[in-house]
Amino acid sequence: MTTPGRLPQPYGHDSGANLADILERVLDKGVVIAGDIRINLLDIELLTIKLRLVVASVDKAKEMGIDWWEDDPALSTRARRDELARENAELRERLAQLEPARGQEEAS
């Protein structure tokens, strides 16, 4: 017996699926959402916005070759250390180039 106005259960009454199960499935498999928004006026394209959204776990993203956060200094301490080390090496090189010139100026 069903009650009018009652919504059906999407996974059946005894499936036991909850939000955590659904989220786990989505993150395990990954989901790609893609869409384009175009604004035209008299057959003249004024604006195009392309949207791409990937929802996946970190492990799944790495399997797909997506790992941009590892090279972003704002998100990764390793990337921040690498950037500081590179900058430090560049400054040492510039200092090494300036010191001989400074020694020649003092000698004259």
Protein backbone atom coordinates (compact mmCIF):
# COMPACT_ATOMS: atom_id res chain seq x y z
CA MET A 1 0.00 0.00 0.00
CA THR A 2 1.45 3.36 -1.01
CA THR A 3 0.51 6.72 0.28
CA PRO A 4 -0.32 9.40 -2.29
CA GLY A 5 2.31 12.12 -2.36
CA ARG A 6 5.03 9.93 -0.91
CA LEU A 7 8.19 9.77 -3.01
CA PRO A 8 9.51 6.33 -3.96
CA GLN A 9 12.76 5.07 -2.46
CA PRO A 10 15.50 5.51 -5.10
CA TYR A 11 17.48 2.41 -4.06
CA GLY A 12 14.64 0.27 -2.84
CA HIS A 13 13.35 -0.01 0.67
CA ASP A 14 15.98 -2.42 2.02
CA SER A 15 19.04 -1.40 -0.02
CA GLY A 16 20.68 0.44 2.86
CA ALA A 17 22.37 2.91 0.52
CA ASN A 18 23.06 6.22 2.16
CA LEU A 19 24.95 9.35 1.23
CA ALA A 20 28.27 7.93 2.43
CA ASP A 21 27.89 4.86 0.19
CA ILE A 22 27.01 6.96 -2.82
CA LEU A 23 29.92 9.34 -2.18
CA GLU A 24 32.30 6.40 -1.82
CA ARG A 25 31.13 4.97 -5.17
CA VAL A 26 31.49 8.33 -6.92
CA LEU A 27 34.97 8.98 -5.53
CA ASP A 28 36.08 5.43 -6.31
CA LYS A 29 34.99 5.55 -9.96
CA GLY A 30 35.21 9.28 -10.64
CA VAL A 31 32.67 11.49 -12.37
CA VAL A 32 33.22 14.00 -15.16
CA ILE A 33 30.70 16.77 -15.72
CA ALA A 34 31.14 18.85 -18.86
CA GLY A 35 29.11 21.67 -20.29
CA ASP A 36 29.29 24.72 -22.52
CA ILE A 37 27.49 28.01 -22.12
CA ARG A 38 27.17 30.18 -25.21
CA ILE A 39 25.62 33.62 -25.41
CA ASN A 40 24.66 34.76 -28.90
CA LEU A 41 23.08 37.94 -30.12
CA LEU A 42 21.72 37.90 -33.69
CA ASP A 43 23.88 34.87 -34.58
CA ILE A 44 27.01 36.60 -33.24
CA GLU A 45 28.74 34.69 -30.50
CA LEU A 46 29.43 37.09 -27.64
CA LEU A 47 30.62 34.73 -24.92
CA THR A 48 31.54 31.08 -24.58
CA ILE A 49 32.23 29.45 -21.23
CA LYS A 50 33.44 25.86 -21.13
CA LEU A 51 32.98 24.10 -17.82
CA ARG A 52 34.70 20.85 -16.91
CA LEU A 53 34.39 19.32 -13.46
CA VAL A 54 36.06 16.14 -12.27
CA VAL A 55 34.98 14.61 -8.98
CA ALA A 56 37.24 11.77 -7.86
CA SER A 57 39.38 10.61 -4.98
CA VAL A 58 43.04 11.64 -4.93
CA ASP A 59 44.11 8.09 -5.77
CA LYS A 60 41.72 7.87 -8.72
CA ALA A 61 42.80 11.30 -9.97
CA LYS A 62 46.45 10.21 -9.87
CA GLU A 63 45.53 7.07 -11.82
CA MET A 64 44.02 9.35 -14.49
CA GLY A 65 47.18 11.48 -14.56
CA ILE A 66 45.69 14.44 -12.74
CA ASP A 67 48.11 15.70 -10.07
CA TRP A 68 48.34 19.46 -10.54
CA TRP A 69 48.02 20.10 -6.79
CA GLU A 70 51.41 18.45 -6.20
CA ASP A 71 53.19 21.24 -8.12
CA ASP A 72 51.18 24.15 -6.69
CA PRO A 73 53.14 25.89 -3.89
CA ALA A 74 49.91 27.09 -2.32
CA LEU A 75 48.70 23.49 -1.90
CA SER A 76 51.85 21.41 -1.44
CA THR A 77 54.68 21.85 1.07
CA ARG A 78 56.98 19.83 -1.23
CA ALA A 79 56.26 22.21 -4.11
CA ARG A 80 56.84 25.19 -1.80
CA ARG A 81 60.22 23.74 -0.69
CA ASP A 82 61.18 23.07 -4.32
CA GLU A 83 60.28 26.63 -5.30
CA LEU A 84 62.29 28.07 -2.40
CA ALA A 85 65.27 25.86 -3.24
CA ARG A 86 65.14 26.97 -6.89
CA GLU A 87 64.90 30.63 -5.89
CA ASN A 88 67.77 30.19 -3.42
CA ALA A 89 69.95 28.61 -6.11
CA GLU A 90 69.19 31.47 -8.52
CA LEU A 91 70.09 34.06 -5.87
CA ARG A 92 73.35 32.28 -5.03
CA GLU A 93 74.24 32.21 -8.72
CA ARG A 94 73.53 35.95 -9.08
CA LEU A 95 75.57 36.68 -5.95
CA ALA A 96 78.49 34.63 -7.28
CA GLN A 97 78.39 36.68 -10.50
CA LEU A 98 78.30 39.99 -8.60
CA GLU A 99 81.14 39.25 -6.12
CA PRO A 100 83.98 39.20 -8.72
CA ALA A 101 82.73 42.49 -10.18
CA ARG A 102 82.64 44.02 -6.70
CA GLY A 103 86.23 42.85 -6.02
CA GLN A 104 87.44 44.51 -9.22
CA GLU A 105 85.76 47.82 -8.28
CA GLU A 106 87.42 47.83 -4.84
CA ALA A 107 90.85 47.10 -6.37
CA SER A 108 90.71 50.16 -8.63
